[in-house]
Amino acid sequence: MTRPRHRAREAALRVLYFWEVGGVQPDQALGAYFREHEPEASEAVKAFATTLVHGTIADIPALDTLIEQHADNWRVSRLAVIDRLILRMAVWEFLFRPETPRTVVIDEAIELARTFSEQDAVRFVNGVLDGIHHAMAAGGTTDA
């Protein structure tokens, strides 16, 4: 059985993809996703997915700046859509959900990359998030 937080992160990633590629409003995408794909999802799963979606979308400029600081020679706009969304969501969690250990967020992002992207993306996502994690742990700036 899939863990509730993992289900929520997976749902949020799918909704963010629907939002970015399909141009669908976030709340409309959330409603459609849960109606069509996970009607049995708990309120906790829906609430955490909603928080991730709205938080990530609200802070994209700051998230992208931080990602670019740690993605050697890569602009966020050049990343595959799914990889960009995984990184944005994970960095948002780093910054705004400090109660979740960053190592857990990294592990979850790697698992999402394994499921939805290519093997090279797994290493890339891990490297970028590990760099941000170490910078934050060393007291490096998180300002974008």
C-alpha atoms as a PDB file:
ATOM      1  CA  MET A   1       0.000   0.000   0.000  1.00  0.00           C
ATOM      2  CA  THR A   2       1.282   3.434  -0.929  1.00  0.00           C
ATOM      3  CA  ARG A   3       2.001   5.846   1.904  1.00  0.00           C
ATOM      4  CA  PRO A   4      -0.444   8.779   2.147  1.00  0.00           C
ATOM      5  CA  ARG A   5       2.230  11.456   1.785  1.00  0.00           C
ATOM      6  CA  HIS A   6       3.673   9.707  -1.249  1.00  0.00           C
ATOM      7  CA  ARG A   7       0.194   9.446  -2.787  1.00  0.00           C
ATOM      8  CA  ALA A   8      -0.289  13.157  -2.171  1.00  0.00           C
ATOM      9  CA  ARG A   9       3.053  14.044  -3.758  1.00  0.00           C
ATOM     10  CA  GLU A  10       2.280  11.872  -6.768  1.00  0.00           C
ATOM     11  CA  ALA A  11      -1.162  13.459  -7.110  1.00  0.00           C
ATOM     12  CA  ALA A  12       0.339  16.949  -6.771  1.00  0.00           C
ATOM     13  CA  LEU A  13       2.906  16.176  -9.475  1.00  0.00           C
ATOM     14  CA  ARG A  14       0.210  14.943 -11.850  1.00  0.00           C
ATOM     15  CA  VAL A  15      -1.926  18.006 -11.124  1.00  0.00           C
ATOM     16  CA  LEU A  16       1.026  20.355 -11.636  1.00  0.00           C
ATOM     17  CA  TYR A  17       1.707  18.656 -14.966  1.00  0.00           C
ATOM     18  CA  PHE A  18      -1.947  19.067 -15.964  1.00  0.00           C
ATOM     19  CA  TRP A  19      -1.717  22.727 -14.926  1.00  0.00           C
ATOM     20  CA  GLU A  20       1.535  23.447 -16.775  1.00  0.00           C
ATOM     21  CA  VAL A  21       0.954  21.471 -19.959  1.00  0.00           C
ATOM     22  CA  GLY A  22      -2.810  21.755 -20.187  1.00  0.00           C
ATOM     23  CA  GLY A  23      -3.174  25.301 -18.922  1.00  0.00           C
ATOM     24  CA  VAL A  24      -5.867  24.178 -16.492  1.00  0.00           C
ATOM     25  CA  GLN A  25      -6.494  26.230 -13.351  1.00  0.00           C
ATOM     26  CA  PRO A  26      -5.009  24.554 -10.242  1.00  0.00           C
ATOM     27  CA  ASP A  27      -8.304  24.000  -8.413  1.00  0.00           C
ATOM     28  CA  GLN A  28      -9.945  22.681 -11.557  1.00  0.00           C
ATOM     29  CA  ALA A  29      -7.002  20.304 -12.124  1.00  0.00           C
ATOM     30  CA  LEU A  30      -7.124  19.122  -8.499  1.00  0.00           C
ATOM     31  CA  GLY A  31     -10.843  18.457  -8.666  1.00  0.00           C
ATOM     32  CA  ALA A  32     -10.592  16.599 -11.960  1.00  0.00           C
ATOM     33  CA  TYR A  33      -7.645  14.507 -10.802  1.00  0.00           C
ATOM     34  CA  PHE A  34      -9.285  13.336  -7.594  1.00  0.00           C
ATOM     35  CA  ARG A  35     -12.666  12.737  -9.259  1.00  0.00           C
ATOM     36  CA  GLU A  36     -11.198  10.712 -12.106  1.00  0.00           C
ATOM     37  CA  HIS A  37      -8.130   9.010 -10.662  1.00  0.00           C
ATOM     38  CA  GLU A  38      -8.437   8.835  -6.889  1.00  0.00           C
ATOM     39  CA  PRO A  39     -12.025   9.313  -5.768  1.00  0.00           C
ATOM     40  CA  GLU A  40     -11.272   7.218  -2.668  1.00  0.00           C
ATOM     41  CA  ALA A  41      -8.355   9.443  -1.579  1.00  0.00           C
ATOM     42  CA  SER A  42      -8.503  10.529   2.041  1.00  0.00           C
ATOM     43  CA  GLU A  43      -8.999  14.150   3.009  1.00  0.00           C
ATOM     44  CA  ALA A  44      -5.410  14.182   4.289  1.00  0.00           C
ATOM     45  CA  VAL A  45      -4.080  13.138   0.874  1.00  0.00           C
ATOM     46  CA  LYS A  46      -6.237  15.732  -0.874  1.00  0.00           C
ATOM     47  CA  ALA A  47      -5.242  18.460   1.583  1.00  0.00           C
ATOM     48  CA  PHE A  48      -1.500  17.797   1.315  1.00  0.00           C
ATOM     49  CA  ALA A  49      -1.660  17.579  -2.492  1.00  0.00           C
ATOM     50  CA  THR A  50      -3.580  20.859  -2.584  1.00  0.00           C
ATOM     51  CA  THR A  51      -1.012  22.522  -0.325  1.00  0.00           C
ATOM     52  CA  LEU A  52       1.849  21.304  -2.533  1.00  0.00           C
ATOM     53  CA  VAL A  53       0.162  22.454  -5.732  1.00  0.00           C
ATOM     54  CA  HIS A  54      -0.803  25.920  -4.511  1.00  0.00           C
ATOM     55  CA  GLY A  55       2.476  26.469  -2.664  1.00  0.00           C
ATOM     56  CA  THR A  56       4.605  25.412  -5.604  1.00  0.00           C
ATOM     57  CA  ILE A  57       2.705  27.560  -8.091  1.00  0.00           C
ATOM     58  CA  ALA A  58       2.782  30.589  -5.800  1.00  0.00           C
ATOM     59  CA  ASP A  59       6.558  30.513  -5.427  1.00  0.00           C
ATOM     60  CA  ILE A  60       7.783  29.513  -8.894  1.00  0.00           C
ATOM     61  CA  PRO A  61      10.126  32.501  -9.482  1.00  0.00           C
ATOM     62  CA  ALA A  62      11.960  31.960  -6.176  1.00  0.00           C
ATOM     63  CA  LEU A  63      12.023  28.184  -6.616  1.00  0.00           C
ATOM     64  CA  ASP A  64      13.417  28.438 -10.139  1.00  0.00           C
ATOM     65  CA  THR A  65      16.137  30.828  -9.049  1.00  0.00           C
ATOM     66  CA  LEU A  66      17.255  28.470  -6.295  1.00  0.00           C
ATOM     67  CA  ILE A  67      17.134  25.459  -8.620  1.00  0.00           C
ATOM     68  CA  GLU A  68      19.220  27.257 -11.242  1.00  0.00           C
ATOM     69  CA  GLN A  69      21.851  28.099  -8.607  1.00  0.00           C
ATOM     70  CA  HIS A  70      22.377  24.349  -8.102  1.00  0.00           C
ATOM     71  CA  ALA A  71      21.705  22.983 -11.596  1.00  0.00           C
ATOM     72  CA  ASP A  72      25.095  23.396 -13.222  1.00  0.00           C
ATOM     73  CA  ASN A  73      24.722  24.916 -16.667  1.00  0.00           C
ATOM     74  CA  TRP A  74      20.971  24.271 -16.823  1.00  0.00           C
ATOM     75  CA  ARG A  75      18.216  26.844 -17.031  1.00  0.00           C
ATOM     76  CA  VAL A  76      14.963  25.655 -15.506  1.00  0.00           C
ATOM     77  CA  SER A  77      13.171  26.419 -18.761  1.00  0.00           C
ATOM     78  CA  ARG A  78      15.354  23.835 -20.542  1.00  0.00           C
ATOM     79  CA  LEU A  79      14.508  20.993 -18.155  1.00  0.00           C
ATOM     80  CA  ALA A  80      11.941  18.368 -19.043  1.00  0.00           C
ATOM     81  CA  VAL A  81       8.570  19.479 -17.696  1.00  0.00           C
ATOM     82  CA  ILE A  82       8.241  16.574 -15.264  1.00  0.00           C
ATOM     83  CA  ASP A  83      11.780  17.052 -13.889  1.00  0.00           C
ATOM     84  CA  ARG A  84      11.193  20.779 -13.458  1.00  0.00           C
ATOM     85  CA  LEU A  85       7.961  20.099 -11.557  1.00  0.00           C
ATOM     86  CA  ILE A  86       9.561  17.472  -9.305  1.00  0.00           C
ATOM     87  CA  LEU A  87      12.360  19.900  -8.418  1.00  0.00           C
ATOM     88  CA  ARG A  88      10.002  22.821  -7.820  1.00  0.00           C
ATOM     89  CA  MET A  89       7.750  20.792  -5.559  1.00  0.00           C
ATOM     90  CA  ALA A  90      10.678  19.391  -3.551  1.00  0.00           C
ATOM     91  CA  VAL A  91      12.360  22.769  -3.130  1.00  0.00           C
ATOM     92  CA  TRP A  92       9.052  24.262  -2.030  1.00  0.00           C
ATOM     93  CA  GLU A  93       8.857  21.562   0.649  1.00  0.00           C
ATOM     94  CA  PHE A  94      12.429  22.316   1.724  1.00  0.00           C
ATOM     95  CA  LEU A  95      11.561  25.975   2.193  1.00  0.00           C
ATOM     96  CA  PHE A  96       8.025  25.871   3.537  1.00  0.00           C
ATOM     97  CA  ARG A  97       7.574  22.481   5.216  1.00  0.00           C
ATOM     98  CA  PRO A  98      10.568  22.346   7.570  1.00  0.00           C
ATOM     99  CA  GLU A  99       8.862  19.672   9.695  1.00  0.00           C
ATOM    100  CA  THR A 100       9.534  17.201   6.875  1.00  0.00           C
ATOM    101  CA  PRO A 101      13.184  16.105   6.911  1.00  0.00           C
ATOM    102  CA  ARG A 102      14.936  17.201   3.736  1.00  0.00           C
ATOM    103  CA  THR A 103      16.290  13.679   3.252  1.00  0.00           C
ATOM    104  CA  VAL A 104      12.696  12.421   3.109  1.00  0.00           C
ATOM    105  CA  VAL A 105      11.817  15.078   0.538  1.00  0.00           C
ATOM    106  CA  ILE A 106      14.854  14.069  -1.555  1.00  0.00           C
ATOM    107  CA  ASP A 107      13.938  10.379  -1.353  1.00  0.00           C
ATOM    108  CA  GLU A 108      10.377  11.143  -2.403  1.00  0.00           C
ATOM    109  CA  ALA A 109      11.555  13.301  -5.321  1.00  0.00           C
ATOM    110  CA  ILE A 110      13.903  10.546  -6.471  1.00  0.00           C
ATOM    111  CA  GLU A 111      11.052   8.050  -6.324  1.00  0.00           C
ATOM    112  CA  LEU A 112       8.863  10.381  -8.397  1.00  0.00           C
ATOM    113  CA  ALA A 113      11.672  10.774 -10.942  1.00  0.00           C
ATOM    114  CA  ARG A 114      12.068   6.972 -11.111  1.00  0.00           C
ATOM    115  CA  THR A 115       8.354   6.586 -11.742  1.00  0.00           C
ATOM    116  CA  PHE A 116       7.715   9.454 -14.144  1.00  0.00           C
ATOM    117  CA  SER A 117      11.023  10.311 -15.823  1.00  0.00           C
ATOM    118  CA  GLU A 118      14.219   8.732 -17.128  1.00  0.00           C
ATOM    119  CA  GLN A 119      17.167   7.240 -15.252  1.00  0.00           C
ATOM    120  CA  ASP A 120      19.353  10.280 -16.001  1.00  0.00           C
ATOM    121  CA  ALA A 121      16.710  12.460 -14.378  1.00  0.00           C
ATOM    122  CA  VAL A 122      16.987  10.472 -11.149  1.00  0.00           C
ATOM    123  CA  ARG A 123      20.667  11.377 -10.830  1.00  0.00           C
ATOM    124  CA  PHE A 124      20.026  14.975 -11.861  1.00  0.00           C
ATOM    125  CA  VAL A 125      17.166  15.486  -9.378  1.00  0.00           C
ATOM    126  CA  ASN A 126      19.237  13.881  -6.631  1.00  0.00           C
ATOM    127  CA  GLY A 127      22.250  16.084  -7.391  1.00  0.00           C
ATOM    128  CA  VAL A 128      20.331  19.352  -7.508  1.00  0.00           C
ATOM    129  CA  LEU A 129      18.343  18.644  -4.347  1.00  0.00           C
ATOM    130  CA  ASP A 130      21.413  17.367  -2.504  1.00  0.00           C
ATOM    131  CA  GLY A 131      23.232  20.591  -3.375  1.00  0.00           C
ATOM    132  CA  ILE A 132      20.375  22.739  -2.126  1.00  0.00           C
ATOM    133  CA  HIS A 133      20.054  20.593   1.005  1.00  0.00           C
ATOM    134  CA  HIS A 134      23.768  20.968   1.816  1.00  0.00           C
ATOM    135  CA  ALA A 135      23.699  24.712   1.165  1.00  0.00           C
ATOM    136  CA  MET A 136      20.733  25.107   3.496  1.00  0.00           C
ATOM    137  CA  ALA A 137      22.326  22.904   6.165  1.00  0.00           C
ATOM    138  CA  ALA A 138      25.519  24.959   5.979  1.00  0.00           C
ATOM    139  CA  GLY A 139      23.525  28.131   6.483  1.00  0.00           C
ATOM    140  CA  GLY A 140      23.742  29.088   2.848  1.00  0.00           C
ATOM    141  CA  THR A 141      21.147  31.437   1.531  1.00  0.00           C
ATOM    142  CA  THR A 142      17.748  30.141   0.592  1.00  0.00           C
ATOM    143  CA  ASP A 143      16.786  33.504  -0.812  1.00  0.00           C
ATOM    144  CA  ALA A 144      16.238  33.497  -4.496  1.00  0.00           C
END
